Structures are given as structure tokens and as C-alpha cells.
């Protein structure tokens, strides 16, 4: 009788062994995720420490910027003659004076127009107390948000409160420039006793022999 081959018996994993394999895999995955998370966290911490803050960058860059600007100005002045330097400085002063005078003149015009529309008398409009001839009134009324400075314009009225005059100091190197505005034709009295007439109600620049003192409507 022929022999029947006997198949070797392969042991099958028990349910308890299958459960153990899944637990091992799950444990490995969890450990791997924790290690990856710690690695990312460590990388971010090291990167934050290595990068300088924006304030530190500003502190380092700002002085160099100022130095370069000052150096450029010094280099430019070295290449210009003394007369050219005086001219540039006078022009810069004239521009600031004209800008501040114009800013204040715009506020006075707006103030005068509004009060006139409300039936206010011209004497009260041009008053230095509660009128358009007063800095505090212009600021409190919102006609100007802040008083122009460097140079600060002079705000004047005549004794009759019939006109408002504004002037600001301009270039003063070998000259005596002033920026002027008046709400009407006026005569400017100078500190040396002289006078100067302004016939245009607009911002203008004058080279005077003495500083202005008062103004009076013509």
C-alpha cells in the first residue's frame, strides 16, 4: 500500500499573539510621532534663538543710516562753495517758512469763511480773543490740528481787528527773508522804524532791512 505523505503542521497565531503584534506596531508609531514632534520643537527653538529680533535689526541699521546721511551731507558740502551752501540753507529756511505760513493762512481763511457764514461781524472774526486771530481758537475749532513750528508763524491783528497778518522767519544768512500773508492790503511796521506794504492777500516772501513788528490795514 503506498504511503500517504504527511503535511507538516504549521502553527497558527493565536488571537492573543495577533493582539500583541498590533500593540507593538501602535507603540512604535506613537514613539516615532513623539520623537518627530520633539525634533520639530527643538528646531523651532534653535531657529528663533539664531534669528535677531526686528528691534535689534532696527538698532543696528538706524545708526548706520544716520551716519551715511550725515556723511553724504558732509561730502556734498565739501564739494560746494561757501556761497552755494549759504544759498541752499537759505532756500530750505524759506521753504519751511512759506509752508508754515501757508498752512496757517489756510486755517485762517477757513475760520473766517465759516464765521462769516454764521453772521459774525468782521471785528469778532479777526479778534485775538475767541476769533480767527487766536491760535487756541483755530486749534479748538479744528481749523488746524497743530501749530506749525520751526519756524512758528506770528499771528497778528491790527488795533481795529480789521485784518489778520501772518509772518514767519525764512533764510537769515546774509539776508533777512520773511514769509508773509494778510487777509487784506496792509502796511507792515518794522522794528527799525521803517515799513513795508503788502498789496496782495497771498503768501509772499520779502527781504527786509529789519524784523516786522506790527501790521495795519491800508
Protein backbone atom coordinates (compact mmCIF):
# COMPACT_ATOMS: atom_id res chain seq x y z
CA UNK A 1 0.00 0.00 0.00
CA UNK A 2 1.50 3.35 -0.96
CA UNK A 3 2.34 5.70 1.87
CA UNK A 4 0.34 8.92 2.14
CA UNK A 5 2.69 11.92 2.72
CA UNK A 6 2.05 13.69 5.91
CA UNK A 7 1.91 17.52 5.65
CA UNK A 8 3.86 19.31 8.33
CA UNK A 9 1.69 21.16 10.75
CA UNK A 10 2.18 25.00 10.66
CA UNK A 11 1.19 26.55 13.93
CA UNK A 12 -1.38 29.39 13.50
CA UNK A 13 -1.02 32.54 15.61
CA UNK A 14 -3.42 32.67 18.41
CA UNK A 15 -5.71 35.71 18.91
CA UNK A 16 -3.57 36.80 21.85
CA UNK A 17 -0.43 36.84 19.65
CA UNK A 18 -2.23 38.99 16.98
CA UNK A 19 -3.21 41.48 19.62
CA UNK A 20 0.37 41.70 20.82
CA UNK A 21 1.62 42.47 17.27
CA UNK A 22 -0.81 45.40 16.86
CA UNK A 23 0.15 46.75 20.26
CA UNK A 24 3.83 46.68 19.29
CA UNK A 25 3.13 48.48 16.00
CA UNK A 26 0.97 51.09 17.73
CA UNK A 27 3.66 51.65 20.38
CA UNK A 28 6.33 52.15 17.69
CA UNK A 29 4.13 54.64 15.81
CA UNK A 30 3.42 56.65 18.96
CA UNK A 31 7.10 56.75 19.94
CA UNK A 32 8.04 57.82 16.38
CA UNK A 33 5.47 60.63 16.43
CA UNK A 34 6.71 61.86 19.81
CA UNK A 35 10.32 61.89 18.58
CA UNK A 36 9.35 63.75 15.41
CA UNK A 37 7.41 66.32 17.46
CA UNK A 38 10.35 66.85 19.82
CA UNK A 39 12.67 67.27 16.82
CA UNK A 40 10.43 69.92 15.24
CA UNK A 41 10.09 71.76 18.55
CA UNK A 42 13.87 71.76 19.07
CA UNK A 43 14.39 73.05 15.51
CA UNK A 44 11.98 75.95 16.02
CA UNK A 45 13.58 76.93 19.33
CA UNK A 46 17.08 76.92 17.84
CA UNK A 47 15.92 78.92 14.81
CA UNK A 48 14.23 81.54 16.99
CA UNK A 49 17.41 81.98 19.03
CA UNK A 50 19.60 82.28 15.94
CA UNK A 51 17.46 84.96 14.20
CA UNK A 52 17.83 88.55 15.56
CA UNK A 53 14.67 90.38 16.54
CA UNK A 54 13.30 93.23 14.46
CA UNK A 55 14.13 95.71 17.24
CA UNK A 56 17.72 94.53 17.26
CA UNK A 57 17.91 94.90 13.49
CA UNK A 58 16.48 98.41 13.77
CA UNK A 59 19.02 99.35 16.44
CA UNK A 60 21.84 98.09 14.27
CA UNK A 61 20.65 99.62 10.99
CA UNK A 62 19.39 103.01 12.15
CA UNK A 63 22.75 104.43 13.30
CA UNK A 64 24.41 103.36 10.08
CA UNK A 65 21.64 105.05 8.10
CA UNK A 66 22.10 108.28 10.04
CA UNK A 67 25.84 108.08 9.64
CA UNK A 68 25.55 107.55 5.89
CA UNK A 69 23.14 110.52 5.59
CA UNK A 70 25.42 112.79 7.60
CA UNK A 71 28.43 111.60 5.62
CA UNK A 72 26.64 112.31 2.35
CA UNK A 73 25.75 115.82 3.55
CA UNK A 74 29.34 116.48 4.66
CA UNK A 75 30.66 115.18 1.36
CA UNK A 76 28.24 117.40 -0.54
CA UNK A 77 29.23 120.45 1.49
CA UNK A 78 32.89 119.74 0.81
CA UNK A 79 32.21 119.84 -2.92
CA UNK A 80 30.23 123.11 -2.79
CA UNK A 81 31.47 126.62 -2.31
CA UNK A 82 30.54 128.63 0.77
CA UNK A 83 28.14 130.78 -1.22
CA UNK A 84 26.37 127.71 -2.62
CA UNK A 85 25.99 126.24 0.88
CA UNK A 86 24.52 129.53 2.15
CA UNK A 87 22.10 129.61 -0.75
CA UNK A 88 20.91 126.05 -0.10
CA UNK A 89 20.39 126.67 3.63
CA UNK A 90 18.54 129.93 2.95
CA UNK A 91 16.29 128.22 0.42
CA UNK A 92 15.49 125.43 2.89
CA UNK A 93 14.57 128.02 5.55
CA UNK A 94 12.45 129.96 3.06
CA UNK A 95 10.55 126.81 2.07
CA UNK A 96 9.80 125.89 5.70
CA UNK A 97 8.65 129.44 6.48
CA UNK A 98 6.43 129.57 3.40
CA UNK A 99 4.93 126.14 4.13
CA UNK A 100 4.10 127.03 7.76
CA UNK A 101 2.70 130.42 6.76
CA UNK A 102 0.55 128.85 4.07
CA UNK A 103 -0.74 126.19 6.48
CA UNK A 104 -1.81 128.82 9.00
CA UNK A 105 -3.24 131.08 6.27
CA UNK A 106 -5.44 128.20 5.07
CA UNK A 107 -6.74 127.74 8.62
CA UNK A 108 -7.48 131.48 8.97
CA UNK A 109 -9.33 131.54 5.64
CA UNK A 110 -11.45 128.52 6.60
CA UNK A 111 -12.20 130.04 10.00
CA UNK A 112 -13.14 133.42 8.52
CA UNK A 113 -15.41 131.84 5.89
CA UNK A 114 -17.28 129.77 8.49
CA UNK A 115 -17.78 132.62 10.97
CA UNK A 116 -18.84 134.98 8.18
CA UNK A 117 -21.48 132.47 7.04
CA UNK A 118 -22.80 132.44 10.62
CA UNK A 119 -23.30 136.22 10.54
CA UNK A 120 -20.31 137.04 12.79
CA UNK A 121 -19.01 140.59 12.46
CA UNK A 122 -15.60 141.15 10.89
CA UNK A 123 -14.34 142.67 14.14
CA UNK A 124 -15.17 139.46 16.01
CA UNK A 125 -13.84 137.27 13.19
CA UNK A 126 -10.42 138.94 13.30
CA UNK A 127 -10.32 139.10 17.09
CA UNK A 128 -7.40 137.66 19.03
CA UNK A 129 -9.86 136.54 21.71
CA UNK A 130 -12.27 133.90 20.50
CA UNK A 131 -11.65 134.73 16.85
CA UNK A 132 -9.57 133.61 13.90
CA UNK A 133 -6.66 135.72 15.15
CA UNK A 134 -6.12 133.37 18.11
CA UNK A 135 -4.08 130.17 17.97
CA UNK A 136 -6.16 128.38 20.61
CA UNK A 137 -9.39 129.18 18.76
CA UNK A 138 -8.00 127.81 15.47
CA UNK A 139 -6.88 124.59 17.16
CA UNK A 140 -10.04 124.07 19.23
CA UNK A 141 -12.20 124.74 16.18
CA UNK A 142 -10.37 122.10 14.16
CA UNK A 143 -9.12 124.58 11.56
CA UNK A 144 -5.57 123.43 12.25
CA UNK A 145 -4.62 120.24 14.11
CA UNK A 146 -1.33 121.53 15.49
CA UNK A 147 0.52 124.82 15.50
CA UNK A 148 3.23 124.90 12.80
CA UNK A 149 6.72 125.03 14.22
CA UNK A 150 10.33 125.63 13.15
CA UNK A 151 9.61 128.38 12.47
CA UNK A 152 6.41 129.18 14.33
CA UNK A 153 4.49 131.89 12.42
CA UNK A 154 3.46 135.10 14.13
CA UNK A 155 -0.31 135.68 14.15
CA UNK A 156 -1.24 139.39 14.38
CA UNK A 157 -4.24 141.69 14.02
CA UNK A 158 -4.35 145.47 13.80
CA UNK A 159 -5.83 147.56 16.65
CA UNK A 160 -9.20 147.77 14.88
CA UNK A 161 -9.44 144.00 14.33
CA UNK A 162 -9.89 144.69 10.62
CA UNK A 163 -7.20 142.38 9.25
CA UNK A 164 -5.09 139.35 10.17
CA UNK A 165 -1.39 139.19 9.35
CA UNK A 166 0.87 136.16 9.44
CA UNK A 167 4.63 136.09 9.06
CA UNK A 168 7.41 133.56 9.61
CA UNK A 169 11.20 133.81 9.58
CA UNK A 170 12.90 132.44 6.47
CA UNK A 171 16.54 132.43 5.35
CA UNK A 172 18.78 134.59 7.52
CA UNK A 173 22.35 134.00 6.27
CA UNK A 174 23.45 137.34 4.78
CA UNK A 175 19.79 138.20 4.28
CA UNK A 176 16.57 138.73 6.23
CA UNK A 177 13.80 136.81 4.47
CA UNK A 178 10.27 136.61 5.81
CA UNK A 179 7.19 134.83 4.55
CA UNK A 180 4.02 136.96 4.74
CA UNK A 181 0.27 136.59 4.46
CA UNK A 182 -2.51 139.08 5.13
CA UNK A 183 -6.27 138.94 4.67
CA UNK A 184 -6.16 142.37 3.00
CA UNK A 185 -3.72 145.03 1.81
CA UNK A 186 -1.59 146.06 4.79
CA UNK A 187 1.39 148.08 5.91
CA UNK A 188 3.97 146.18 7.95
CA UNK A 189 5.78 148.23 10.60
CA UNK A 190 9.42 147.25 11.12
CA UNK A 191 11.43 147.35 14.33
CA UNK A 192 13.89 149.90 12.89
CA UNK A 193 11.03 152.36 12.29
CA UNK A 194 10.58 151.56 8.62
CA UNK A 195 7.59 149.97 6.93
CA UNK A 196 6.66 147.73 4.03
CA UNK A 197 3.39 147.47 2.14
CA UNK A 198 1.83 144.17 1.12
CA UNK A 199 -0.79 144.67 -1.56
CA UNK A 200 -1.66 141.03 -2.27
CA UNK A 201 -3.71 138.83 0.05
CA UNK A 202 -1.47 135.87 -0.67
CA UNK A 203 1.67 134.24 0.74
CA UNK A 204 4.73 136.20 -0.37
CA UNK A 205 8.43 136.34 0.52
CA UNK A 206 10.20 139.60 1.37
CA UNK A 207 13.80 140.54 2.12
CA UNK A 208 13.55 143.18 4.86
CA UNK A 209 16.09 145.51 6.43
CA UNK A 210 14.58 144.86 9.86
CA UNK A 211 12.23 142.40 11.56
CA UNK A 212 8.45 143.02 11.33
CA UNK A 213 6.67 144.33 14.39
CA UNK A 214 3.03 145.21 13.60
CA UNK A 215 0.60 145.37 10.70
CA UNK A 216 -2.21 147.76 9.81
CA UNK A 217 -4.86 147.63 7.11
CA UNK A 218 -4.35 150.16 4.32
